[in-house]
PDB file of all heavy atoms in Angstrom:
ATOM      1  N   SER A   1      71.007  78.728 112.329  1.00  0.00           N
ATOM      2  CA  SER A   1      70.706  77.784 111.199  1.00  0.00           C
ATOM      3  C   SER A   1      69.186  77.676 111.032  1.00  0.00           C
ATOM      4  O   SER A   1      68.692  77.566 109.879  1.00  0.00           O
ATOM      5  CB  SER A   1      71.268  76.386 111.520  1.00  0.00           C
ATOM      6  OG  SER A   1      70.661  75.770 112.595  1.00  0.00           O
ATOM      7  N   LEU A   2      68.419  77.820 112.099  1.00  0.00           N
ATOM      8  CA  LEU A   2      66.986  77.875 112.012  1.00  0.00           C
ATOM      9  C   LEU A   2      66.530  79.099 111.201  1.00  0.00           C
ATOM     10  O   LEU A   2      65.617  79.017 110.405  1.00  0.00           O
ATOM     11  CB  LEU A   2      66.337  77.736 113.415  1.00  0.00           C
ATOM     12  CG  LEU A   2      64.833  77.720 113.430  1.00  0.00           C
ATOM     13  CD1 LEU A   2      64.321  76.391 112.656  1.00  0.00           C
ATOM     14  CD2 LEU A   2      64.328  77.725 114.864  1.00  0.00           C
ATOM     15  N   GLN A   3      67.132  80.190 111.481  1.00  0.00           N
ATOM     16  CA  GLN A   3      66.811  81.469 110.732  1.00  0.00           C
ATOM     17  C   GLN A   3      67.110  81.294 109.351  1.00  0.00           C
ATOM     18  O   GLN A   3      66.389  81.793 108.473  1.00  0.00           O
ATOM     19  CB  GLN A   3      67.556  82.635 111.415  1.00  0.00           C
ATOM     20  CG  GLN A   3      67.259  83.026 112.757  1.00  0.00           C
ATOM     21  CD  GLN A   3      68.078  84.135 113.434  1.00  0.00           C
ATOM     22  OE1 GLN A   3      69.111  84.375 112.947  1.00  0.00           O
ATOM     23  NE2 GLN A   3      67.581  84.617 114.550  1.00  0.00           N
ATOM     24  N   ARG A   4      68.223  80.616 108.974  1.00  0.00           N
ATOM     25  CA  ARG A   4      68.520  80.463 107.619  1.00  0.00           C
ATOM     26  C   ARG A   4      67.598  79.568 106.869  1.00  0.00           C
ATOM     27  O   ARG A   4      67.178  79.803 105.699  1.00  0.00           O
ATOM     28  CB  ARG A   4      69.983  79.803 107.436  1.00  0.00           C
ATOM     29  CG  ARG A   4      70.986  80.909 107.575  1.00  0.00           C
ATOM     30  CD  ARG A   4      72.349  80.306 107.473  1.00  0.00           C
ATOM     31  NE  ARG A   4      72.699  79.908 108.798  1.00  0.00           N
ATOM     32  CZ  ARG A   4      73.843  79.207 109.176  1.00  0.00           C
ATOM     33  NH1 ARG A   4      74.591  78.763 108.282  1.00  0.00           N
ATOM     34  NH2 ARG A   4      74.070  79.061 110.448  1.00  0.00           N
ATOM     35  N   GLN A   5      67.017  78.542 107.581  1.00  0.00           N
ATOM     36  CA  GLN A   5      66.076  77.712 107.009  1.00  0.00           C
ATOM     37  C   GLN A   5      64.710  78.465 106.781  1.00  0.00           C
ATOM     38  O   GLN A   5      64.084  78.249 105.704  1.00  0.00           O
ATOM     39  CB  GLN A   5      65.772  76.474 107.919  1.00  0.00           C
ATOM     40  CG  GLN A   5      66.869  75.465 107.881  1.00  0.00           C
ATOM     41  CD  GLN A   5      66.574  74.333 108.890  1.00  0.00           C
ATOM     42  OE1 GLN A   5      65.619  74.347 109.701  1.00  0.00           O
ATOM     43  NE2 GLN A   5      67.423  73.270 108.806  1.00  0.00           N
ATOM     44  N   ILE A   6      64.363  79.283 107.700  1.00  0.00           N
ATOM     45  CA  ILE A   6      63.097  80.085 107.522  1.00  0.00           C
ATOM     46  C   ILE A   6      63.281  81.065 106.309  1.00  0.00           C
ATOM     47  O   ILE A   6      62.356  81.241 105.521  1.00  0.00           O
ATOM     48  CB  ILE A   6      62.816  80.789 108.846  1.00  0.00           C
ATOM     49  CG1 ILE A   6      62.334  79.775 109.885  1.00  0.00           C
ATOM     50  CG2 ILE A   6      61.698  81.858 108.625  1.00  0.00           C
ATOM     51  CD1 ILE A   6      62.248  80.347 111.287  1.00  0.00           C
ATOM     52  N   ARG A   7      64.455  81.721 106.268  1.00  0.00           N
ATOM     53  CA  ARG A   7      64.718  82.575 105.145  1.00  0.00           C
ATOM     54  C   ARG A   7      64.619  81.875 103.772  1.00  0.00           C
ATOM     55  O   ARG A   7      64.124  82.362 102.809  1.00  0.00           O
ATOM     56  CB  ARG A   7      66.070  83.222 105.300  1.00  0.00           C
ATOM     57  CG  ARG A   7      66.307  84.343 104.383  1.00  0.00           C
ATOM     58  CD  ARG A   7      67.671  85.037 104.545  1.00  0.00           C
ATOM     59  NE  ARG A   7      68.085  85.260 105.897  1.00  0.00           N
ATOM     60  CZ  ARG A   7      69.266  84.897 106.356  1.00  0.00           C
ATOM     61  NH1 ARG A   7      70.217  84.417 105.557  1.00  0.00           N
ATOM     62  NH2 ARG A   7      69.538  85.101 107.594  1.00  0.00           N
ATOM     63  N   CYS A   8      65.156  80.578 103.768  1.00  0.00           N
ATOM     64  CA  CYS A   8      65.045  79.891 102.484  1.00  0.00           C
ATOM     65  C   CYS A   8      63.695  79.486 102.134  1.00  0.00           C
ATOM     66  O   CYS A   8      63.253  79.620 100.992  1.00  0.00           O
ATOM     67  CB  CYS A   8      65.869  78.536 102.725  1.00  0.00           C
ATOM     68  SG  CYS A   8      65.870  77.438 101.290  1.00  0.00           S
ATOM     69  N   LEU A   9      62.782  79.187 103.123  1.00  0.00           N
ATOM     70  CA  LEU A   9      61.435  78.892 102.849  1.00  0.00           C
ATOM     71  C   LEU A   9      60.693  80.172 102.367  1.00  0.00           C
ATOM     72  O   LEU A   9      59.836  80.119 101.455  1.00  0.00           O
ATOM     73  CB  LEU A   9      60.721  78.358 104.107  1.00  0.00           C
ATOM     74  CG  LEU A   9      61.145  76.989 104.441  1.00  0.00           C
ATOM     75  CD1 LEU A   9      60.502  76.530 105.834  1.00  0.00           C
ATOM     76  CD2 LEU A   9      60.713  75.944 103.462  1.00  0.00           C
ATOM     77  N   LYS A  10      61.090  81.382 102.815  1.00  0.00           N
ATOM     78  CA  LYS A  10      60.397  82.614 102.393  1.00  0.00           C
ATOM     79  C   LYS A  10      60.745  82.906 100.921  1.00  0.00           C
ATOM     80  O   LYS A  10      60.047  83.602 100.272  1.00  0.00           O
ATOM     81  CB  LYS A  10      60.801  83.691 103.345  1.00  0.00           C
ATOM     82  CG  LYS A  10      60.162  83.692 104.624  1.00  0.00           C
ATOM     83  CD  LYS A  10      60.541  84.887 105.518  1.00  0.00           C
ATOM     84  CE  LYS A  10      59.848  84.849 106.827  1.00  0.00           C
ATOM     85  NZ  LYS A  10      60.288  85.953 107.767  1.00  0.00           N
ATOM     86  N   MET A  11      61.946  82.440 100.492  1.00  0.00           N
ATOM     87  CA  MET A  11      62.338  82.622  99.109  1.00  0.00           C
ATOM     88  C   MET A  11      61.921  81.523  98.145  1.00  0.00           C
ATOM     89  O   MET A  11      62.407  81.317  97.101  1.00  0.00           O
ATOM     90  CB  MET A  11      63.914  82.734  99.045  1.00  0.00           C
ATOM     91  CG  MET A  11      64.430  83.966  99.741  1.00  0.00           C
ATOM     92  SD  MET A  11      66.225  84.206  99.529  1.00  0.00           S
ATOM     93  CE  MET A  11      66.942  82.741 100.255  1.00  0.00           C
ATOM     94  N   ASP A  12      60.864  80.785  98.606  1.00  0.00           N
ATOM     95  CA  ASP A  12      60.336  79.627  97.836  1.00  0.00           C
ATOM     96  C   ASP A  12      61.397  78.607  97.604  1.00  0.00           C
ATOM     97  O   ASP A  12      61.454  77.982  96.421  1.00  0.00           O
ATOM     98  CB  ASP A  12      59.743  80.119  96.499  1.00  0.00           C
ATOM     99  CG  ASP A  12      58.394  80.762  96.743  1.00  0.00           C
ATOM    100  OD1 ASP A  12      57.745  80.482  97.788  1.00  0.00           O
ATOM    101  OD2 ASP A  12      58.023  81.681  95.944  1.00  0.00           O
ATOM    102  N   GLY A  13      62.245  78.394  98.471  1.00  0.00           N
ATOM    103  CA  GLY A  13      63.323  77.394  98.370  1.00  0.00           C
ATOM    104  C   GLY A  13      63.124  76.230  99.272  1.00  0.00           C
ATOM    105  O   GLY A  13      62.192  76.153  99.971  1.00  0.00           O
ATOM    106  N   ARG A  14      63.994  75.234  99.162  1.00  0.00           N
ATOM    107  CA  ARG A  14      63.953  74.116 100.067  1.00  0.00           C
ATOM    108  C   ARG A  14      65.465  73.697 100.396  1.00  0.00           C
ATOM    109  O   ARG A  14      66.278  73.943  99.581  1.00  0.00           O
ATOM    110  CB  ARG A  14      63.238  72.953  99.474  1.00  0.00           C
ATOM    111  CG  ARG A  14      63.760  72.448  98.189  1.00  0.00           C
ATOM    112  CD  ARG A  14      62.855  71.407  97.527  1.00  0.00           C
ATOM    113  NE  ARG A  14      63.377  71.004  96.249  1.00  0.00           N
ATOM    114  CZ  ARG A  14      64.366  69.986  96.151  1.00  0.00           C
ATOM    115  NH1 ARG A  14      64.771  69.394  97.192  1.00  0.00           N
ATOM    116  NH2 ARG A  14      64.779  69.641  94.974  1.00  0.00           N
ATOM    117  N   CYS A  15      65.626  73.218 101.546  1.00  0.00           N
ATOM    118  CA  CYS A  15      66.946  72.863 101.952  1.00  0.00           C
ATOM    119  C   CYS A  15      67.273  71.413 101.587  1.00  0.00           C
ATOM    120  O   CYS A  15      66.466  70.483 101.799  1.00  0.00           O
ATOM    121  CB  CYS A  15      67.059  72.927 103.472  1.00  0.00           C
ATOM    122  SG  CYS A  15      66.820  74.570 104.074  1.00  0.00           S
ATOM    123  N   GLU A  16      68.331  71.261 100.846  1.00  0.00           N
ATOM    124  CA  GLU A  16      68.770  69.949 100.361  1.00  0.00           C
ATOM    125  C   GLU A  16      70.288  69.780 100.471  1.00  0.00           C
ATOM    126  O   GLU A  16      71.023  70.710 100.595  1.00  0.00           O
ATOM    127  CB  GLU A  16      68.444  69.824  98.860  1.00  0.00           C
ATOM    128  CG  GLU A  16      66.957  69.704  98.609  1.00  0.00           C
ATOM    129  CD  GLU A  16      66.394  68.372  99.179  1.00  0.00           C
ATOM    130  OE1 GLU A  16      67.073  67.406  99.243  1.00  0.00           O
ATOM    131  OE2 GLU A  16      65.227  68.386  99.569  1.00  0.00           O
ATOM    132  N   ILE A  17      70.750  68.530 100.397  1.00  0.00           N
ATOM    133  CA  ILE A  17      72.112  68.288 100.389  1.00  0.00           C
ATOM    134  C   ILE A  17      72.780  68.673  99.018  1.00  0.00           C
ATOM    135  O   ILE A  17      73.766  69.346  98.977  1.00  0.00           O
ATOM    136  CB  ILE A  17      72.358  66.715 100.612  1.00  0.00           C
ATOM    137  CG1 ILE A  17      72.005  66.391 101.987  1.00  0.00           C
ATOM    138  CG2 ILE A  17      73.850  66.361 100.488  1.00  0.00           C
ATOM    139  CD1 ILE A  17      72.027  64.933 102.324  1.00  0.00           C
ATOM    140  N   GLU A  18      72.124  68.324  97.966  1.00  0.00           N
ATOM    141  CA  GLU A  18      72.532  68.709  96.628  1.00  0.00           C
ATOM    142  C   GLU A  18      71.347  69.356  95.836  1.00  0.00           C
ATOM    143  O   GLU A  18      70.270  68.836  95.917  1.00  0.00           O
ATOM    144  CB  GLU A  18      73.071  67.503  95.775  1.00  0.00           C
ATOM    145  CG  GLU A  18      74.398  67.057  96.253  1.00  0.00           C
ATOM    146  CD  GLU A  18      75.558  67.885  95.755  1.00  0.00           C
ATOM    147  OE1 GLU A  18      75.422  68.544  94.629  1.00  0.00           O
ATOM    148  OE2 GLU A  18      76.500  68.069  96.513  1.00  0.00           O
ATOM    149  N   CYS A  19      71.578  70.408  95.136  1.00  0.00           N
ATOM    150  CA  CYS A  19      70.566  70.942  94.308  1.00  0.00           C
ATOM    151  C   CYS A  19      70.468  70.137  92.999  1.00  0.00           C
ATOM    152  O   CYS A  19      71.476  69.657  92.518  1.00  0.00           O
ATOM    153  CB  CYS A  19      70.806  72.427  93.952  1.00  0.00           C
ATOM    154  SG  CYS A  19      70.750  73.476  95.370  1.00  0.00           S
ATOM    155  N   LEU A  20      69.220  69.950  92.515  1.00  0.00           N
ATOM    156  CA  LEU A  20      69.091  69.178  91.293  1.00  0.00           C
ATOM    157  C   LEU A  20      69.547  70.073  90.040  1.00  0.00           C
ATOM    158  O   LEU A  20      69.746  71.236  90.218  1.00  0.00           O
ATOM    159  CB  LEU A  20      67.634  68.788  91.101  1.00  0.00           C
ATOM    160  CG  LEU A  20      67.026  67.927  92.219  1.00  0.00           C
ATOM    161  CD1 LEU A  20      65.575  67.720  92.062  1.00  0.00           C
ATOM    162  CD2 LEU A  20      67.835  66.555  92.264  1.00  0.00           C
ATOM    163  N   SER A  21      69.750  69.433  88.919  1.00  0.00           N
ATOM    164  CA  SER A  21      70.222  70.101  87.706  1.00  0.00           C
ATOM    165  C   SER A  21      69.337  71.255  87.285  1.00  0.00           C
ATOM    166  O   SER A  21      69.762  72.270  86.711  1.00  0.00           O
ATOM    167  CB  SER A  21      70.438  69.132  86.565  1.00  0.00           C
ATOM    168  OG  SER A  21      69.293  68.537  86.247  1.00  0.00           O
ATOM    169  N   PHE A  22      68.007  71.227  87.561  1.00  0.00           N
ATOM    170  CA  PHE A  22      67.064  72.278  87.219  1.00  0.00           C
ATOM    171  C   PHE A  22      66.861  73.256  88.253  1.00  0.00           C
ATOM    172  O   PHE A  22      65.941  74.064  88.114  1.00  0.00           O
ATOM    173  CB  PHE A  22      65.761  71.704  86.640  1.00  0.00           C
ATOM    174  CG  PHE A  22      65.038  70.811  87.663  1.00  0.00           C
ATOM    175  CD1 PHE A  22      64.193  71.406  88.574  1.00  0.00           C
ATOM    176  CD2 PHE A  22      65.284  69.487  87.658  1.00  0.00           C
ATOM    177  CE1 PHE A  22      63.559  70.608  89.491  1.00  0.00           C
ATOM    178  CE2 PHE A  22      64.658  68.611  88.621  1.00  0.00           C
ATOM    179  CZ  PHE A  22      63.798  69.161  89.523  1.00  0.00           C
ATOM    180  N   GLU A  23      67.712  73.282  89.263  1.00  0.00           N
ATOM    181  CA  GLU A  23      67.595  74.203  90.428  1.00  0.00           C
ATOM    182  C   GLU A  23      68.724  75.119  90.540  1.00  0.00           C
ATOM    183  O   GLU A  23      69.866  74.788  90.203  1.00  0.00           O
ATOM    184  CB  GLU A  23      67.308  73.418  91.669  1.00  0.00           C
ATOM    185  CG  GLU A  23      66.047  72.638  91.724  1.00  0.00           C
ATOM    186  CD  GLU A  23      65.862  71.855  93.015  1.00  0.00           C
ATOM    187  OE1 GLU A  23      66.819  71.339  93.530  1.00  0.00           O
ATOM    188  OE2 GLU A  23      64.722  71.810  93.538  1.00  0.00           O
ATOM    189  N   ASP A  24      68.517  76.250  91.149  1.00  0.00           N
ATOM    190  CA  ASP A  24      69.631  77.254  91.516  1.00  0.00           C
ATOM    191  C   ASP A  24      69.900  77.061  92.983  1.00  0.00           C
ATOM    192  O   ASP A  24      69.030  76.942  93.772  1.00  0.00           O
ATOM    193  CB  ASP A  24      69.175  78.632  91.170  1.00  0.00           C
ATOM    194  CG  ASP A  24      69.155  78.890  89.669  1.00  0.00           C
ATOM    195  OD1 ASP A  24      69.999  78.390  89.015  1.00  0.00           O
ATOM    196  OD2 ASP A  24      68.280  79.725  89.308  1.00  0.00           O
ATOM    197  N   LYS A  25      71.183  77.364  93.297  1.00  0.00           N
ATOM    198  CA  LYS A  25      71.575  77.491  94.754  1.00  0.00           C
ATOM    199  C   LYS A  25      71.361  78.971  95.018  1.00  0.00           C
ATOM    200  O   LYS A  25      72.044  79.816  94.497  1.00  0.00           O
ATOM    201  CB  LYS A  25      73.034  77.070  94.958  1.00  0.00           C
ATOM    202  CG  LYS A  25      73.312  75.644  94.709  1.00  0.00           C
ATOM    203  CD  LYS A  25      74.713  75.247  94.778  1.00  0.00           C
ATOM    204  CE  LYS A  25      75.020  73.874  94.358  1.00  0.00           C
ATOM    205  NZ  LYS A  25      76.459  73.574  94.318  1.00  0.00           N
ATOM    206  N   ILE A  26      70.479  79.258  96.065  1.00  0.00           N
ATOM    207  CA  ILE A  26      70.190  80.641  96.351  1.00  0.00           C
ATOM    208  C   ILE A  26      70.597  81.001  97.782  1.00  0.00           C
ATOM    209  O   ILE A  26      70.333  82.079  98.218  1.00  0.00           O
ATOM    210  CB  ILE A  26      68.627  80.882  96.194  1.00  0.00           C
ATOM    211  CG1 ILE A  26      67.874  79.962  97.048  1.00  0.00           C
ATOM    212  CG2 ILE A  26      68.243  80.806  94.849  1.00  0.00           C
ATOM    213  CD1 ILE A  26      66.353  80.297  97.130  1.00  0.00           C
ATOM    214  N   GLY A  27      71.364  80.080  98.426  1.00  0.00           N
ATOM    215  CA  GLY A  27      71.854  80.423  99.709  1.00  0.00           C
ATOM    216  C   GLY A  27      72.229  79.171 100.500  1.00  0.00           C
ATOM    217  O   GLY A  27      72.269  78.104  99.953  1.00  0.00           O
ATOM    218  N   GLY A  28      72.413  79.263 101.776  1.00  0.00           N
ATOM    219  CA  GLY A  28      72.692  78.191 102.588  1.00  0.00           C
ATOM    220  C   GLY A  28      71.641  77.952 103.633  1.00  0.00           C
ATOM    221  O   GLY A  28      71.009  78.861 104.111  1.00  0.00           O
ATOM    222  N   CYS A  29      71.527  76.696 104.037  1.00  0.00           N
ATOM    223  CA  CYS A  29      70.556  76.334 105.120  1.00  0.00           C
ATOM    224  C   CYS A  29      71.266  76.046 106.380  1.00  0.00           C
ATOM    225  O   CYS A  29      71.192  76.779 107.431  1.00  0.00           O
ATOM    226  CB  CYS A  29      69.707  75.144 104.722  1.00  0.00           C
ATOM    227  SG  CYS A  29      68.472  75.591 103.479  1.00  0.00           S
ATOM    228  N   ARG A  30      72.102  75.013 106.329  1.00  0.00           N
ATOM    229  CA  ARG A  30      72.850  74.577 107.545  1.00  0.00           C
ATOM    230  C   ARG A  30      74.182  74.023 107.030  1.00  0.00           C
ATOM    231  O   ARG A  30      74.328  73.460 105.931  1.00  0.00           O
ATOM    232  CB  ARG A  30      72.186  73.542 108.324  1.00  0.00           C
ATOM    233  CG  ARG A  30      70.922  74.024 108.984  1.00  0.00           C
ATOM    234  CD  ARG A  30      70.347  73.019 109.970  1.00  0.00           C
ATOM    235  NE  ARG A  30      70.635  71.657 109.707  1.00  0.00           N
ATOM    236  CZ  ARG A  30      70.046  70.661 110.312  1.00  0.00           C
ATOM    237  NH1 ARG A  30      69.193  70.932 111.240  1.00  0.00           N
ATOM    238  NH2 ARG A  30      70.354  69.380 110.053  1.00  0.00           N
ATOM    239  N   ALA A  31      75.154  74.022 107.884  1.00  0.00           N
ATOM    240  CA  ALA A  31      76.487  73.558 107.445  1.00  0.00           C
ATOM    241  C   ALA A  31      76.526  71.999 107.594  1.00  0.00           C
ATOM    242  O   ALA A  31      77.308  71.388 106.877  1.00  0.00           O
ATOM    243  CB  ALA A  31      77.577  74.152 108.316  1.00  0.00           C
ATOM    244  N   GLU A  32      75.703  71.450 108.324  1.00  0.00           N
ATOM    245  CA  GLU A  32      75.937  69.982 108.747  1.00  0.00           C
ATOM    246  C   GLU A  32      75.274  69.178 107.674  1.00  0.00           C
ATOM    247  O   GLU A  32      75.947  68.401 106.957  1.00  0.00           O
ATOM    248  CB  GLU A  32      75.320  69.609 110.119  1.00  0.00           C
ATOM    249  CG  GLU A  32      75.977  70.345 111.226  1.00  0.00           C
ATOM    250  CD  GLU A  32      75.238  71.627 111.634  1.00  0.00           C
ATOM    251  OE1 GLU A  32      74.053  71.701 111.365  1.00  0.00           O
ATOM    252  OE2 GLU A  32      75.919  72.562 112.018  1.00  0.00           O
TER     253      GLU A  32
END
C-alpha cells in the first residue's frame, strides 16, 4: 500500500476517500 501511495504521488495524484467531480480516478492507494 505504501508503494501504491508513492506511485500515486509520482503521477501528480493524491489519495482520497472520494474523488471530487473535477478529478479523475487514476488508480488505487489503499483498500482501507
